[in-house]
Amino acid sequence: MTITEICKRIYFLTGTTGDTSASVKGSFTNADLLISINKAYNRVASLIMMSDHRWRWDDSNQTDLPIATAALVANQQDYSISSTHLIIERVEVKDEDGNWHLLTHIDQSAFKGYKKEAMSEHSETAGTPTEYDLIGDSIFLYPKPSYSQAASLKIYYARGPSEFTDAQIWTSYALAGTKVPGFNTLFHDLISYLVAYDYCSIFHKERAGYTLAQIQGMEKELKDFYGQRLNDGVKGMRVSFESNK
């Protein structure tokens, strides 16, 4: 479904109309509708990410792949990560010979338990990193690199959806958008129902029960689909791609 079709479904399910001009507002304003659509889109994305353990989902509207690279700086241990990196899948570094190595994730809680070691003392001699820890919006490398090298820290991550913008939906207050949500087309109507429930639970309570029942059924089907969509028999497989779209 295109975003135009999704909006028309929302108007149908809620019994509303949209904006028709800059001065005359409908019963479901464009501004409120855009917020509700992106809220629903994020809900769908979160359900997919919780269910999709074998073939990692990424919004097909994204223009690159969810792999970030950064330069290593000699004796620098702390590297910032973007707030869009919702889940860190794996971290790799390139050594001075040009070979990539997968880092092991550690957690500082272990150093308060059986290790009884100060974090500042752990792998304190600079070298080729072998481990990493996540603290806030930073990755800490252990040991810190003993060399500087471009594009030698690689982070594989999961991110949220490519949200809709006003310009992608309307032209001069008329529906004209052709963008489609970046997940399986069988479940696009779930966005319509999620937005409709958000609206009806406040303004049309008599419609809310039916809308919620439809949502529950579609969400179950969505989670079942994304939880089982890799059928090659390989258990626990994770697929990663180089960021070169």
C-alpha atoms as a PDB file:
ATOM      1  CA  MET A   1       0.000   0.000   0.000  1.00  0.00           C
ATOM      2  CA  THR A   2       1.199   3.487  -0.769  1.00  0.00           C
ATOM      3  CA  ILE A   3       1.023   6.150   1.916  1.00  0.00           C
ATOM      4  CA  THR A   4      -1.899   7.694  -0.007  1.00  0.00           C
ATOM      5  CA  GLU A   5      -3.820   4.408   0.229  1.00  0.00           C
ATOM      6  CA  ILE A   6      -2.966   4.094   3.913  1.00  0.00           C
ATOM      7  CA  CYS A   7      -4.305   7.590   4.603  1.00  0.00           C
ATOM      8  CA  LYS A   8      -7.537   6.849   2.727  1.00  0.00           C
ATOM      9  CA  ARG A   9      -7.972   3.699   4.827  1.00  0.00           C
ATOM     10  CA  ILE A  10      -7.456   5.742   7.978  1.00  0.00           C
ATOM     11  CA  TYR A  11     -10.133   8.237   6.926  1.00  0.00           C
ATOM     12  CA  PHE A  12     -12.492   5.324   6.184  1.00  0.00           C
ATOM     13  CA  LEU A  13     -11.847   3.543   9.483  1.00  0.00           C
ATOM     14  CA  THR A  14     -12.196   6.712  11.551  1.00  0.00           C
ATOM     15  CA  GLY A  15     -14.972   8.397   9.579  1.00  0.00           C
ATOM     16  CA  THR A  16     -12.839  11.505   9.174  1.00  0.00           C
ATOM     17  CA  THR A  17     -11.535  13.720   6.414  1.00  0.00           C
ATOM     18  CA  GLY A  18      -8.198  15.456   6.034  1.00  0.00           C
ATOM     19  CA  ASP A  19      -6.964  18.993   5.532  1.00  0.00           C
ATOM     20  CA  THR A  20      -8.172  20.597   2.324  1.00  0.00           C
ATOM     21  CA  SER A  21      -6.365  23.918   2.469  1.00  0.00           C
ATOM     22  CA  ALA A  22      -4.056  25.963   4.618  1.00  0.00           C
ATOM     23  CA  SER A  23      -6.983  27.706   6.298  1.00  0.00           C
ATOM     24  CA  VAL A  24      -9.759  25.083   6.375  1.00  0.00           C
ATOM     25  CA  LYS A  25      -8.915  22.122   8.584  1.00  0.00           C
ATOM     26  CA  GLY A  26     -10.591  18.722   8.417  1.00  0.00           C
ATOM     27  CA  SER A  27     -11.485  16.431  11.281  1.00  0.00           C
ATOM     28  CA  PHE A  28      -8.074  14.711  11.191  1.00  0.00           C
ATOM     29  CA  THR A  29      -5.431  17.339  10.508  1.00  0.00           C
ATOM     30  CA  ASN A  30      -2.385  16.530   8.431  1.00  0.00           C
ATOM     31  CA  ALA A  31      -0.065  17.396  11.288  1.00  0.00           C
ATOM     32  CA  ASP A  32      -1.807  15.022  13.711  1.00  0.00           C
ATOM     33  CA  LEU A  33      -2.082  12.309  11.072  1.00  0.00           C
ATOM     34  CA  LEU A  34       1.636  12.433  10.283  1.00  0.00           C
ATOM     35  CA  ILE A  35       2.505  12.029  13.967  1.00  0.00           C
ATOM     36  CA  SER A  36       0.090   9.097  14.318  1.00  0.00           C
ATOM     37  CA  ILE A  37       1.366   7.376  11.164  1.00  0.00           C
ATOM     38  CA  ASN A  38       4.988   7.526  12.308  1.00  0.00           C
ATOM     39  CA  LYS A  39       4.010   6.382  15.787  1.00  0.00           C
ATOM     40  CA  ALA A  40       2.286   3.360  14.222  1.00  0.00           C
ATOM     41  CA  TYR A  41       5.230   2.770  11.876  1.00  0.00           C
ATOM     42  CA  ASN A  42       7.586   2.621  14.858  1.00  0.00           C
ATOM     43  CA  ARG A  43       5.233   0.210  16.616  1.00  0.00           C
ATOM     44  CA  VAL A  44       5.332  -2.140  13.621  1.00  0.00           C
ATOM     45  CA  ALA A  45       9.120  -1.837  13.366  1.00  0.00           C
ATOM     46  CA  SER A  46       9.540  -2.697  17.055  1.00  0.00           C
ATOM     47  CA  LEU A  47       7.377  -5.809  16.672  1.00  0.00           C
ATOM     48  CA  ILE A  48       9.409  -6.920  13.665  1.00  0.00           C
ATOM     49  CA  MET A  49      12.714  -6.356  15.448  1.00  0.00           C
ATOM     50  CA  MET A  50      11.552  -8.351  18.481  1.00  0.00           C
ATOM     51  CA  SER A  51      10.424 -11.250  16.264  1.00  0.00           C
ATOM     52  CA  ASP A  52      13.057 -11.265  13.519  1.00  0.00           C
ATOM     53  CA  HIS A  53      15.933 -13.246  15.051  1.00  0.00           C
ATOM     54  CA  ARG A  54      17.263 -15.085  12.003  1.00  0.00           C
ATOM     55  CA  TRP A  55      17.129 -12.637   9.099  1.00  0.00           C
ATOM     56  CA  ARG A  56      17.612  -9.159  10.466  1.00  0.00           C
ATOM     57  CA  TRP A  57      15.034  -6.694   9.118  1.00  0.00           C
ATOM     58  CA  ASP A  58      15.982  -3.265   7.825  1.00  0.00           C
ATOM     59  CA  ASP A  59      13.556  -0.754   6.337  1.00  0.00           C
ATOM     60  CA  SER A  60      13.724  -1.117   2.546  1.00  0.00           C
ATOM     61  CA  ASN A  61      13.382   2.679   2.211  1.00  0.00           C
ATOM     62  CA  GLN A  62      16.825   3.189   3.731  1.00  0.00           C
ATOM     63  CA  THR A  63      19.449   4.256   1.199  1.00  0.00           C
ATOM     64  CA  ASP A  64      22.340   2.417   2.841  1.00  0.00           C
ATOM     65  CA  LEU A  65      22.878  -0.621   5.011  1.00  0.00           C
ATOM     66  CA  PRO A  66      23.059  -0.563   8.821  1.00  0.00           C
ATOM     67  CA  ILE A  67      26.837  -0.743   9.053  1.00  0.00           C
ATOM     68  CA  ALA A  68      28.843   2.199  10.358  1.00  0.00           C
ATOM     69  CA  THR A  69      32.599   2.685  10.080  1.00  0.00           C
ATOM     70  CA  ALA A  70      34.936   5.030  11.895  1.00  0.00           C
ATOM     71  CA  ALA A  71      38.635   5.722  12.124  1.00  0.00           C
ATOM     72  CA  LEU A  72      40.705   4.292  14.937  1.00  0.00           C
ATOM     73  CA  VAL A  73      42.773   6.833  16.836  1.00  0.00           C
ATOM     74  CA  ALA A  74      45.905   5.763  18.673  1.00  0.00           C
ATOM     75  CA  ASN A  75      45.368   5.605  22.449  1.00  0.00           C
ATOM     76  CA  GLN A  76      41.689   6.593  22.163  1.00  0.00           C
ATOM     77  CA  GLN A  77      39.405   4.161  23.967  1.00  0.00           C
ATOM     78  CA  ASP A  78      35.996   5.867  23.720  1.00  0.00           C
ATOM     79  CA  TYR A  79      34.130   6.090  20.371  1.00  0.00           C
ATOM     80  CA  SER A  80      30.707   7.709  20.044  1.00  0.00           C
ATOM     81  CA  ILE A  81      27.828   5.860  18.433  1.00  0.00           C
ATOM     82  CA  SER A  82      24.709   7.328  16.866  1.00  0.00           C
ATOM     83  CA  SER A  83      21.383   7.412  18.676  1.00  0.00           C
ATOM     84  CA  THR A  84      19.926   5.666  15.595  1.00  0.00           C
ATOM     85  CA  HIS A  85      21.887   2.526  16.501  1.00  0.00           C
ATOM     86  CA  LEU A  86      19.064   0.865  18.441  1.00  0.00           C
ATOM     87  CA  ILE A  87      20.771  -2.522  18.736  1.00  0.00           C
ATOM     88  CA  ILE A  88      24.476  -3.243  18.314  1.00  0.00           C
ATOM     89  CA  GLU A  89      24.774  -6.558  16.476  1.00  0.00           C
ATOM     90  CA  ARG A  90      28.545  -6.905  16.308  1.00  0.00           C
ATOM     91  CA  VAL A  91      31.732  -4.839  16.357  1.00  0.00           C
ATOM     92  CA  GLU A  92      34.843  -5.460  14.303  1.00  0.00           C
ATOM     93  CA  VAL A  93      38.255  -3.772  14.014  1.00  0.00           C
ATOM     94  CA  LYS A  94      40.927  -3.884  11.343  1.00  0.00           C
ATOM     95  CA  ASP A  95      44.473  -4.539  12.522  1.00  0.00           C
ATOM     96  CA  GLU A  96      47.568  -2.880  11.108  1.00  0.00           C
ATOM     97  CA  ASP A  97      47.967  -5.702   8.568  1.00  0.00           C
ATOM     98  CA  GLY A  98      44.511  -5.001   7.103  1.00  0.00           C
ATOM     99  CA  ASN A  99      42.749  -8.010   8.660  1.00  0.00           C
ATOM    100  CA  TRP A 100      39.329  -7.679  10.304  1.00  0.00           C
ATOM    101  CA  HIS A 101      38.676  -9.172  13.762  1.00  0.00           C
ATOM    102  CA  LEU A 102      35.387  -9.724  15.572  1.00  0.00           C
ATOM    103  CA  LEU A 103      35.423  -8.181  19.047  1.00  0.00           C
ATOM    104  CA  THR A 104      34.025  -9.895  22.124  1.00  0.00           C
ATOM    105  CA  HIS A 105      31.407  -7.977  24.077  1.00  0.00           C
ATOM    106  CA  ILE A 106      32.180  -7.569  27.760  1.00  0.00           C
ATOM    107  CA  ASP A 107      30.213  -5.830  30.489  1.00  0.00           C
ATOM    108  CA  GLN A 108      31.557  -3.802  33.367  1.00  0.00           C
ATOM    109  CA  SER A 109      29.260  -5.670  35.772  1.00  0.00           C
ATOM    110  CA  ALA A 110      31.596  -8.663  35.436  1.00  0.00           C
ATOM    111  CA  PHE A 111      34.420  -6.583  36.857  1.00  0.00           C
ATOM    112  CA  LYS A 112      32.435  -5.989  40.039  1.00  0.00           C
ATOM    113  CA  GLY A 113      31.845  -9.722  40.391  1.00  0.00           C
ATOM    114  CA  TYR A 114      34.237 -12.572  39.901  1.00  0.00           C
ATOM    115  CA  LYS A 115      37.004 -10.570  38.175  1.00  0.00           C
ATOM    116  CA  LYS A 116      37.372  -7.893  40.870  1.00  0.00           C
ATOM    117  CA  GLU A 117      39.307  -5.686  38.480  1.00  0.00           C
ATOM    118  CA  ALA A 118      39.201  -1.951  37.866  1.00  0.00           C
ATOM    119  CA  MET A 119      38.022  -1.145  34.352  1.00  0.00           C
ATOM    120  CA  SER A 120      40.962   1.221  33.907  1.00  0.00           C
ATOM    121  CA  GLU A 121      43.332  -1.676  34.579  1.00  0.00           C
ATOM    122  CA  HIS A 122      41.718  -4.074  32.117  1.00  0.00           C
ATOM    123  CA  SER A 123      43.891  -4.555  29.012  1.00  0.00           C
ATOM    124  CA  GLU A 124      45.569  -1.244  29.775  1.00  0.00           C
ATOM    125  CA  THR A 125      48.476  -1.682  27.353  1.00  0.00           C
ATOM    126  CA  ALA A 126      47.540  -0.301  23.932  1.00  0.00           C
ATOM    127  CA  GLY A 127      47.414  -2.789  21.067  1.00  0.00           C
ATOM    128  CA  THR A 128      44.899  -4.309  18.665  1.00  0.00           C
ATOM    129  CA  PRO A 129      41.443  -4.227  20.327  1.00  0.00           C
ATOM    130  CA  THR A 130      39.884  -7.607  21.114  1.00  0.00           C
ATOM    131  CA  GLU A 131      36.919  -6.598  23.311  1.00  0.00           C
ATOM    132  CA  TYR A 132      34.356  -3.809  23.614  1.00  0.00           C
ATOM    133  CA  ASP A 133      31.936  -2.477  26.188  1.00  0.00           C
ATOM    134  CA  LEU A 134      28.856  -0.284  25.636  1.00  0.00           C
ATOM    135  CA  ILE A 135      28.315   2.645  27.984  1.00  0.00           C
ATOM    136  CA  GLY A 136      25.639   5.182  27.120  1.00  0.00           C
ATOM    137  CA  ASP A 137      26.270   6.424  23.579  1.00  0.00           C
ATOM    138  CA  SER A 138      29.854   5.165  23.461  1.00  0.00           C
ATOM    139  CA  ILE A 139      31.819   2.045  22.625  1.00  0.00           C
ATOM    140  CA  PHE A 140      34.918   1.436  24.742  1.00  0.00           C
ATOM    141  CA  LEU A 141      37.655  -0.654  23.124  1.00  0.00           C
ATOM    142  CA  TYR A 142      39.938  -2.976  25.099  1.00  0.00           C
ATOM    143  CA  PRO A 143      42.789  -2.624  24.714  1.00  0.00           C
ATOM    144  CA  LYS A 144      42.700   0.845  23.225  1.00  0.00           C
ATOM    145  CA  PRO A 145      44.311   0.874  19.779  1.00  0.00           C
ATOM    146  CA  SER A 146      48.031   1.476  19.545  1.00  0.00           C
ATOM    147  CA  TYR A 147      47.678   2.799  16.003  1.00  0.00           C
ATOM    148  CA  SER A 148      45.639   5.287  13.980  1.00  0.00           C
ATOM    149  CA  GLN A 149      43.906   4.002  10.863  1.00  0.00           C
ATOM    150  CA  ALA A 150      41.018   5.164   8.687  1.00  0.00           C
ATOM    151  CA  ALA A 151      37.729   3.195   8.492  1.00  0.00           C
ATOM    152  CA  SER A 152      38.985   0.506  10.848  1.00  0.00           C
ATOM    153  CA  LEU A 153      36.161   0.323  13.375  1.00  0.00           C
ATOM    154  CA  LYS A 154      33.013  -1.298  11.974  1.00  0.00           C
ATOM    155  CA  ILE A 155      29.681  -1.452  13.809  1.00  0.00           C
ATOM    156  CA  TYR A 156      26.758  -3.588  12.625  1.00  0.00           C
ATOM    157  CA  TYR A 157      23.515  -2.317  14.105  1.00  0.00           C
ATOM    158  CA  ALA A 158      19.731  -2.376  13.891  1.00  0.00           C
ATOM    159  CA  ARG A 159      17.799   0.858  13.374  1.00  0.00           C
ATOM    160  CA  GLY A 160      14.249   2.123  13.298  1.00  0.00           C
ATOM    161  CA  PRO A 161      12.082   2.797  10.248  1.00  0.00           C
ATOM    162  CA  SER A 162      12.502   5.505   7.644  1.00  0.00           C
ATOM    163  CA  GLU A 163       9.701   7.737   8.912  1.00  0.00           C
ATOM    164  CA  PHE A 164       7.352   9.611   6.599  1.00  0.00           C
ATOM    165  CA  THR A 165       7.613  13.349   6.083  1.00  0.00           C
ATOM    166  CA  ASP A 166       4.871  15.824   5.258  1.00  0.00           C
ATOM    167  CA  ALA A 167       6.207  16.270   1.719  1.00  0.00           C
ATOM    168  CA  GLN A 168       6.092  12.504   1.102  1.00  0.00           C
ATOM    169  CA  ILE A 169       2.341  12.407   1.753  1.00  0.00           C
ATOM    170  CA  TRP A 170       0.725  15.658   0.608  1.00  0.00           C
ATOM    171  CA  THR A 171       1.108  18.194  -2.177  1.00  0.00           C
ATOM    172  CA  SER A 172      -0.807  21.428  -1.555  1.00  0.00           C
ATOM    173  CA  TYR A 173      -2.850  19.651   1.129  1.00  0.00           C
ATOM    174  CA  ALA A 174      -3.934  16.897  -1.309  1.00  0.00           C
ATOM    175  CA  LEU A 175      -2.884  13.277  -0.900  1.00  0.00           C
ATOM    176  CA  ALA A 176      -0.190  12.531  -3.458  1.00  0.00           C
ATOM    177  CA  GLY A 177       2.342  10.291  -1.735  1.00  0.00           C
ATOM    178  CA  THR A 178       3.685   7.150  -3.418  1.00  0.00           C
ATOM    179  CA  LYS A 179       6.158   5.996  -0.770  1.00  0.00           C
ATOM    180  CA  VAL A 180       5.371   2.596   0.760  1.00  0.00           C
ATOM    181  CA  PRO A 181       6.324   1.344   4.233  1.00  0.00           C
ATOM    182  CA  GLY A 182       9.567  -0.618   4.212  1.00  0.00           C
ATOM    183  CA  PHE A 183       8.209  -3.953   5.410  1.00  0.00           C
ATOM    184  CA  ASN A 184       6.127  -6.798   3.933  1.00  0.00           C
ATOM    185  CA  THR A 185       3.183  -5.446   1.931  1.00  0.00           C
ATOM    186  CA  LEU A 186       0.844  -8.020   3.484  1.00  0.00           C
ATOM    187  CA  PHE A 187       0.952  -6.042   6.726  1.00  0.00           C
ATOM    188  CA  HIS A 188       0.823  -2.426   5.541  1.00  0.00           C
ATOM    189  CA  ASP A 189      -2.799  -2.114   6.624  1.00  0.00           C
ATOM    190  CA  LEU A 190      -1.654  -2.562  10.218  1.00  0.00           C
ATOM    191  CA  ILE A 191      -0.485   1.065  10.156  1.00  0.00           C
ATOM    192  CA  SER A 192      -4.003   2.131   9.158  1.00  0.00           C
ATOM    193  CA  TYR A 193      -5.588   0.201  12.013  1.00  0.00           C
ATOM    194  CA  LEU A 194      -3.071   1.368  14.614  1.00  0.00           C
ATOM    195  CA  VAL A 195      -3.732   5.000  13.691  1.00  0.00           C
ATOM    196  CA  ALA A 196      -7.482   4.382  13.611  1.00  0.00           C
ATOM    197  CA  TYR A 197      -7.411   2.813  17.078  1.00  0.00           C
ATOM    198  CA  ASP A 198      -5.401   5.739  18.422  1.00  0.00           C
ATOM    199  CA  TYR A 199      -8.083   8.097  17.104  1.00  0.00           C
ATOM    200  CA  CYS A 200     -11.193   6.019  17.843  1.00  0.00           C
ATOM    201  CA  SER A 201     -10.205   5.206  21.424  1.00  0.00           C
ATOM    202  CA  ILE A 202     -10.684   8.935  22.103  1.00  0.00           C
ATOM    203  CA  PHE A 203     -13.260  10.198  19.606  1.00  0.00           C
ATOM    204  CA  HIS A 204     -15.202   7.117  18.428  1.00  0.00           C
ATOM    205  CA  LYS A 205     -15.144   4.624  21.269  1.00  0.00           C
ATOM    206  CA  GLU A 206     -17.842   2.524  19.598  1.00  0.00           C
ATOM    207  CA  ARG A 207     -15.342   1.642  16.859  1.00  0.00           C
ATOM    208  CA  ALA A 208     -12.374   0.998  19.133  1.00  0.00           C
ATOM    209  CA  GLY A 209     -13.248  -2.593  20.081  1.00  0.00           C
ATOM    210  CA  TYR A 210     -13.469  -3.793  16.479  1.00  0.00           C
ATOM    211  CA  THR A 211     -10.285  -1.929  15.536  1.00  0.00           C
ATOM    212  CA  LEU A 212      -8.337  -3.400  18.449  1.00  0.00           C
ATOM    213  CA  ALA A 213      -9.439  -6.942  17.573  1.00  0.00           C
ATOM    214  CA  GLN A 214      -8.169  -6.471  14.016  1.00  0.00           C
ATOM    215  CA  ILE A 215      -4.864  -5.118  15.318  1.00  0.00           C
ATOM    216  CA  GLN A 216      -4.328  -8.075  17.625  1.00  0.00           C
ATOM    217  CA  GLY A 217      -4.870 -10.534  14.794  1.00  0.00           C
ATOM    218  CA  MET A 218      -2.581  -8.687  12.372  1.00  0.00           C
ATOM    219  CA  GLU A 219       0.166  -8.226  14.963  1.00  0.00           C
ATOM    220  CA  LYS A 220       0.188 -11.960  15.685  1.00  0.00           C
ATOM    221  CA  GLU A 221       0.461 -12.745  11.976  1.00  0.00           C
ATOM    222  CA  LEU A 222       3.231 -10.165  11.594  1.00  0.00           C
ATOM    223  CA  LYS A 223       5.271 -11.635  14.455  1.00  0.00           C
ATOM    224  CA  ASP A 224       4.734 -15.185  13.203  1.00  0.00           C
ATOM    225  CA  PHE A 225       5.850 -14.234   9.702  1.00  0.00           C
ATOM    226  CA  TYR A 226       9.013 -12.393  10.711  1.00  0.00           C
ATOM    227  CA  GLY A 227       9.876 -15.026  13.294  1.00  0.00           C
ATOM    228  CA  GLN A 228       9.861 -17.795  10.677  1.00  0.00           C
ATOM    229  CA  ARG A 229      10.714 -16.172   7.349  1.00  0.00           C
ATOM    230  CA  LEU A 230      14.138 -17.832   6.884  1.00  0.00           C
ATOM    231  CA  ASN A 231      13.355 -21.375   5.766  1.00  0.00           C
ATOM    232  CA  ASP A 232      16.770 -22.774   4.806  1.00  0.00           C
ATOM    233  CA  GLY A 233      17.015 -24.859   7.972  1.00  0.00           C
ATOM    234  CA  VAL A 234      20.053 -23.030   9.338  1.00  0.00           C
ATOM    235  CA  LYS A 235      19.447 -22.386  13.023  1.00  0.00           C
ATOM    236  CA  GLY A 236      20.408 -19.083  14.573  1.00  0.00           C
ATOM    237  CA  MET A 237      21.796 -17.617  11.349  1.00  0.00           C
ATOM    238  CA  ARG A 238      22.527 -13.884  11.224  1.00  0.00           C
ATOM    239  CA  VAL A 239      23.048 -12.179   7.863  1.00  0.00           C
ATOM    240  CA  SER A 240      25.367  -9.177   7.559  1.00  0.00           C
ATOM    241  CA  PHE A 241      26.167  -7.059   4.526  1.00  0.00           C
ATOM    242  CA  GLU A 242      28.858  -4.602   3.591  1.00  0.00           C
ATOM    243  CA  SER A 243      27.650  -0.996   3.490  1.00  0.00           C
ATOM    244  CA  ASN A 244      28.113  -0.344  -0.210  1.00  0.00           C
ATOM    245  CA  LYS A 245      24.629   0.253  -1.613  1.00  0.00           C
END
